[in-house]
Amino acid sequence: MSEITQQQWSEAVRHAKYYLGLYKEIPTGFFGAAFINRMIIRYEAGERTKELYQDMMDVE
């Protein structure tokens, strides 16, 4: 994978936030929501690793 663009990062964050909302609605979704939330916090703290990007895009 080449350098990740800001547009790709924006899409990854939107994707993760969408699934965060879904997981919050599931009674047993606490652990999934916590995991997704941690990824978003890492992004907001300035992390821009390929691993974080891939993890955010892999959320289902």
C-alpha atoms as a PDB file:
ATOM      1  CA  MET A   1       0.000   0.000   0.000  1.00  0.00           C
ATOM      2  CA  SER A   2       1.334   3.425  -0.886  1.00  0.00           C
ATOM      3  CA  GLU A   3       0.993   6.515   1.268  1.00  0.00           C
ATOM      4  CA  ILE A   4      -2.479   6.892   2.765  1.00  0.00           C
ATOM      5  CA  THR A   5      -4.174  10.123   1.726  1.00  0.00           C
ATOM      6  CA  GLN A   6      -6.215  12.367   3.988  1.00  0.00           C
ATOM      7  CA  GLN A   7      -9.299  11.411   1.996  1.00  0.00           C
ATOM      8  CA  GLN A   8      -8.644   7.734   2.757  1.00  0.00           C
ATOM      9  CA  TRP A   9      -8.141   8.526   6.451  1.00  0.00           C
ATOM     10  CA  SER A  10     -11.410  10.478   6.501  1.00  0.00           C
ATOM     11  CA  GLU A  11     -13.214   7.501   4.977  1.00  0.00           C
ATOM     12  CA  ALA A  12     -11.629   5.124   7.517  1.00  0.00           C
ATOM     13  CA  VAL A  13     -12.740   7.332  10.418  1.00  0.00           C
ATOM     14  CA  ARG A  14     -16.286   7.609   9.022  1.00  0.00           C
ATOM     15  CA  HIS A  15     -16.361   3.838   8.597  1.00  0.00           C
ATOM     16  CA  ALA A  16     -15.176   3.229  12.169  1.00  0.00           C
ATOM     17  CA  LYS A  17     -17.608   5.780  13.641  1.00  0.00           C
ATOM     18  CA  TYR A  18     -20.496   4.215  11.725  1.00  0.00           C
ATOM     19  CA  TYR A  19     -19.746   0.798  13.207  1.00  0.00           C
ATOM     20  CA  LEU A  20     -19.136   2.324  16.632  1.00  0.00           C
ATOM     21  CA  GLY A  21     -22.717   3.559  16.558  1.00  0.00           C
ATOM     22  CA  LEU A  22     -23.974   0.126  15.570  1.00  0.00           C
ATOM     23  CA  TYR A  23     -21.988  -1.649  18.277  1.00  0.00           C
ATOM     24  CA  LYS A  24     -23.286   0.781  20.911  1.00  0.00           C
ATOM     25  CA  GLU A  25     -26.845  -0.263  20.031  1.00  0.00           C
ATOM     26  CA  ILE A  26     -26.122  -3.982  20.536  1.00  0.00           C
ATOM     27  CA  PRO A  27     -26.583  -5.055  24.174  1.00  0.00           C
ATOM     28  CA  THR A  28     -23.458  -7.256  24.005  1.00  0.00           C
ATOM     29  CA  GLY A  29     -21.500  -4.849  21.791  1.00  0.00           C
ATOM     30  CA  PHE A  30     -19.574  -3.169  24.603  1.00  0.00           C
ATOM     31  CA  PHE A  31     -16.240  -4.831  23.848  1.00  0.00           C
ATOM     32  CA  GLY A  32     -16.457  -4.172  20.116  1.00  0.00           C
ATOM     33  CA  ALA A  33     -17.436  -0.553  20.772  1.00  0.00           C
ATOM     34  CA  ALA A  34     -14.527  -0.131  23.192  1.00  0.00           C
ATOM     35  CA  PHE A  35     -12.085  -1.533  20.619  1.00  0.00           C
ATOM     36  CA  ILE A  36     -13.382   0.760  17.867  1.00  0.00           C
ATOM     37  CA  ASN A  37     -13.398   3.757  20.193  1.00  0.00           C
ATOM     38  CA  ARG A  38      -9.755   3.110  21.049  1.00  0.00           C
ATOM     39  CA  MET A  39      -8.850   3.155  17.340  1.00  0.00           C
ATOM     40  CA  ILE A  40     -10.597   6.517  16.913  1.00  0.00           C
ATOM     41  CA  ILE A  41      -8.774   7.918  19.948  1.00  0.00           C
ATOM     42  CA  ARG A  42      -5.452   6.768  18.491  1.00  0.00           C
ATOM     43  CA  TYR A  43      -6.292   8.528  15.218  1.00  0.00           C
ATOM     44  CA  GLU A  44      -7.336  11.728  17.001  1.00  0.00           C
ATOM     45  CA  ALA A  45      -4.071  11.636  18.970  1.00  0.00           C
ATOM     46  CA  GLY A  46      -2.172  11.789  15.686  1.00  0.00           C
ATOM     47  CA  GLU A  47      -1.368   8.171  14.872  1.00  0.00           C
ATOM     48  CA  ARG A  48      -1.261   7.558  11.113  1.00  0.00           C
ATOM     49  CA  THR A  49       0.123   4.050  10.802  1.00  0.00           C
ATOM     50  CA  LYS A  50      -0.838   1.665   8.026  1.00  0.00           C
ATOM     51  CA  GLU A  51      -1.855  -0.835  10.709  1.00  0.00           C
ATOM     52  CA  LEU A  52      -4.341   1.592  12.259  1.00  0.00           C
ATOM     53  CA  TYR A  53      -5.767   2.448   8.847  1.00  0.00           C
ATOM     54  CA  GLN A  54      -6.211  -1.224   7.968  1.00  0.00           C
ATOM     55  CA  ASP A  55      -7.762  -1.994  11.375  1.00  0.00           C
ATOM     56  CA  MET A  56     -10.268   0.835  10.928  1.00  0.00           C
ATOM     57  CA  MET A  57     -11.203  -0.315   7.429  1.00  0.00           C
ATOM     58  CA  ASP A  58     -11.557  -3.941   8.588  1.00  0.00           C
ATOM     59  CA  VAL A  59     -14.202  -3.154  11.229  1.00  0.00           C
ATOM     60  CA  GLU A  60     -17.439  -5.025  10.583  1.00  0.00           C
END
